[in-house]
Amino acid sequence: MTGRFAIIGAVGLLTGCAALLQRPAPPPDEPEITETRATEVAPEAEERAAPEEPEAAPGVLGRTVASLGDPTQGGAWLVTGLVTQATPGRVTDLASGARTRVELRPSGAAPGAGSRLSLAGFQALGLPLTALPDLEVTRE
């Protein structure tokens, strides 16, 4: 009986070794990967390729929730993500309908990130300084 186990063990070992000796199948044809280098673009070409920013058209830009901005900065302004460059505009308090002219200043944040309204803006709209008013922002 021990002879049978020896034969079975030897066959098992040889089968395992045969599996190890088999070479894996070659991979299917793969696309050849080539290295490319970025080319530098002359600044003049970059300027020609960049689309020109259209003139800012007047109209409603959107709605925002505003908090009190830096009270040490004078003037009537709104820092918001609804604009990308400073421009004259108007804000309307949606609750009361009061509105005032302000300078719209870019915040660099997403349009829905909220805004900061100047102290003069809060006073012109008749809002308490702790309010978080919903405002409609319009470019003039």
Protein backbone atom coordinates (compact mmCIF):
# COMPACT_ATOMS: atom_id res chain seq x y z
CA MET A 1 0.00 0.00 0.00
CA THR A 2 2.87 2.32 0.64
CA GLY A 3 3.96 1.77 -2.91
CA ARG A 4 0.68 3.11 -4.20
CA PHE A 5 1.02 6.30 -2.14
CA ALA A 6 4.57 6.73 -3.37
CA ILE A 7 3.43 6.41 -6.99
CA ILE A 8 0.51 8.79 -6.45
CA GLY A 9 2.85 11.28 -4.72
CA ALA A 10 5.40 11.07 -7.52
CA VAL A 11 2.73 11.62 -10.18
CA GLY A 12 1.41 14.62 -8.21
CA LEU A 13 4.90 16.13 -7.96
CA LEU A 14 5.59 15.62 -11.65
CA THR A 15 2.25 17.16 -12.57
CA GLY A 16 3.03 20.21 -10.42
CA CYS A 17 6.48 20.55 -11.96
CA ALA A 18 5.04 20.30 -15.46
CA ALA A 19 2.69 23.18 -14.68
CA LEU A 20 5.65 25.25 -13.52
CA LEU A 21 7.62 24.50 -16.67
CA GLN A 22 4.85 25.66 -18.99
CA ARG A 23 5.47 29.11 -20.35
CA PRO A 24 2.63 31.60 -20.22
CA ALA A 25 0.95 32.38 -23.51
CA PRO A 26 2.34 35.49 -25.17
CA PRO A 27 0.16 38.56 -24.59
CA PRO A 28 -2.18 39.54 -27.40
CA ASP A 29 -0.93 42.18 -29.76
CA GLU A 30 -0.73 45.36 -27.77
CA PRO A 31 -0.49 48.79 -29.34
CA GLU A 32 3.01 50.08 -29.39
CA ILE A 33 3.57 52.81 -26.83
CA THR A 34 5.74 55.61 -28.03
CA GLU A 35 7.09 58.50 -26.04
CA THR A 36 6.06 61.96 -27.09
CA ARG A 37 7.40 65.23 -25.85
CA ALA A 38 5.35 68.36 -25.31
CA THR A 39 6.28 71.18 -27.58
CA GLU A 40 6.54 74.68 -26.29
CA VAL A 41 4.11 77.20 -27.70
CA ALA A 42 5.33 80.69 -28.36
CA PRO A 43 3.55 83.29 -26.21
CA GLU A 44 2.31 85.05 -29.35
CA ALA A 45 0.64 81.85 -30.56
CA GLU A 46 -0.92 81.33 -27.13
CA GLU A 47 -2.40 84.81 -27.22
CA ARG A 48 -3.83 84.22 -30.69
CA ALA A 49 -5.28 80.84 -29.70
CA ALA A 50 -6.97 82.07 -26.50
CA PRO A 51 -10.59 83.00 -27.08
CA GLU A 52 -11.44 86.56 -26.26
CA GLU A 53 -13.68 87.10 -23.27
CA PRO A 54 -17.01 88.51 -24.44
CA GLU A 55 -18.18 91.88 -23.20
CA ALA A 56 -20.13 91.56 -19.98
CA ALA A 57 -23.78 91.85 -20.90
CA PRO A 58 -26.18 93.44 -18.44
CA GLY A 59 -28.72 91.19 -16.80
CA VAL A 60 -29.43 88.90 -13.88
CA LEU A 61 -26.37 86.84 -12.93
CA GLY A 62 -28.04 84.72 -10.30
CA ARG A 63 -28.95 84.50 -6.65
CA THR A 64 -26.70 84.32 -3.63
CA VAL A 65 -26.81 84.31 0.15
CA ALA A 66 -24.70 87.13 1.57
CA SER A 67 -23.01 87.71 4.88
CA LEU A 68 -21.42 90.91 6.14
CA GLY A 69 -18.09 91.58 4.44
CA ASP A 70 -15.07 93.38 5.88
CA PRO A 71 -16.51 96.52 7.55
CA THR A 72 -13.16 98.32 7.29
CA GLN A 73 -13.44 98.42 3.47
CA GLY A 74 -15.50 101.41 2.43
CA GLY A 75 -17.97 101.67 -0.40
CA ALA A 76 -20.85 99.59 -1.60
CA TRP A 77 -19.64 96.25 -2.98
CA LEU A 78 -20.45 92.54 -3.18
CA VAL A 79 -17.69 89.94 -3.33
CA THR A 80 -19.17 86.98 -5.20
CA GLY A 81 -18.38 83.99 -7.37
CA LEU A 82 -20.96 85.17 -9.90
CA VAL A 83 -18.40 87.45 -11.63
CA THR A 84 -14.83 86.97 -12.81
CA GLN A 85 -13.89 90.65 -12.94
CA ALA A 86 -15.00 93.79 -11.14
CA THR A 87 -18.08 95.32 -12.72
CA PRO A 88 -20.91 97.68 -11.73
CA GLY A 89 -24.07 95.96 -10.62
CA ARG A 90 -27.11 95.93 -8.42
CA VAL A 91 -28.35 93.67 -5.63
CA THR A 92 -31.99 93.16 -4.70
CA ASP A 93 -33.08 91.75 -1.33
CA LEU A 94 -35.60 89.07 -2.32
CA ALA A 95 -37.48 89.31 1.00
CA SER A 96 -38.15 93.07 0.97
CA GLY A 97 -37.60 94.05 -2.67
CA ALA A 98 -35.09 96.74 -1.60
CA ARG A 99 -32.22 97.23 -4.01
CA THR A 100 -29.01 99.18 -4.27
CA ARG A 101 -26.11 99.68 -6.67
CA VAL A 102 -22.82 98.02 -5.77
CA GLU A 103 -19.49 97.15 -7.31
CA LEU A 104 -19.47 93.41 -8.05
CA ARG A 105 -16.07 91.96 -7.16
CA PRO A 106 -14.87 88.43 -7.95
CA SER A 107 -14.30 86.09 -5.02
CA GLY A 108 -12.68 83.28 -7.00
CA ALA A 109 -15.15 80.83 -5.42
CA ALA A 110 -17.85 78.81 -7.14
CA PRO A 111 -21.00 80.77 -8.03
CA GLY A 112 -23.04 79.00 -5.32
CA ALA A 113 -20.47 79.48 -2.57
CA GLY A 114 -22.13 82.53 -1.02
CA SER A 115 -21.08 86.17 -1.06
CA ARG A 116 -19.98 89.01 1.20
CA LEU A 117 -21.82 92.34 1.12
CA SER A 118 -20.29 95.59 2.36
CA LEU A 119 -21.53 97.45 5.43
CA ALA A 120 -22.84 100.21 3.13
CA GLY A 121 -24.75 97.58 1.14
CA PHE A 122 -26.39 96.19 4.28
CA GLN A 123 -27.36 99.69 5.38
CA ALA A 124 -28.74 100.66 1.95
CA LEU A 125 -30.94 97.54 1.93
CA GLY A 126 -32.10 98.21 5.52
CA LEU A 127 -30.80 94.86 6.76
CA PRO A 128 -29.61 93.97 10.26
CA LEU A 129 -25.87 93.25 10.26
CA THR A 130 -26.41 89.66 11.43
CA ALA A 131 -28.81 88.84 8.57
CA LEU A 132 -28.02 86.36 5.80
CA PRO A 133 -30.14 87.85 3.01
CA ASP A 134 -31.04 86.09 -0.23
CA LEU A 135 -29.98 88.50 -2.97
CA GLU A 136 -30.58 88.67 -6.69
CA VAL A 137 -27.41 89.92 -8.41
CA THR A 138 -27.67 91.94 -11.60
CA ARG A 139 -24.89 93.27 -13.83
CA GLU A 140 -25.51 96.78 -15.16
